[in-house]
């Protein structure tokens, strides 16, 4: 009896999820001429995130610029942490973490496909001033999330540029 109820519940969940229009995201792909992408930049964290995101979309993250069909040139990556709020004792209890990334897309011969583009992403971090260790961990997690979002946005932009070239 218990197994029957469990199967009915699972079936209902599937019906509800499929009825609301939810679909699993299939592998998104980058056009053929963008399959071998080289990421050029000094920020190793963002370069690694971009390479991971490119691979998840079916592209090859190339280690040598000479082998690439397109180049993502990270011209500037800046991380800022600004005070957002102060408690009644004058101690900081909130920050805004912000990344600014300026990049451009180049062809292998260094012709500019997309000139310098700026992306700014930020997120707030509130904490109790007595929990400094938690703040450090939360800030690291927040930075990682922002870097993941930046990698997704840059690859989405790469795909939209590709669509514009095909049209």
Foldseek 3Di string as FASTA:
>chain_A
DVVVVVVVVVVVVVVVCVVVVDDDDDQAAADPLQQEEEEADDPVLLNVLLQVVSVSNRHHHDPDLLPGQKYKYFPDKDWDKAQDDADPVRHGFKIKIKIKTWIFMAGSVRHTLGHIDIDMDIDMDGHDPVCVVVVVVVVVVVVSVVSNVVSVVVVVVSRVSVVVVVD
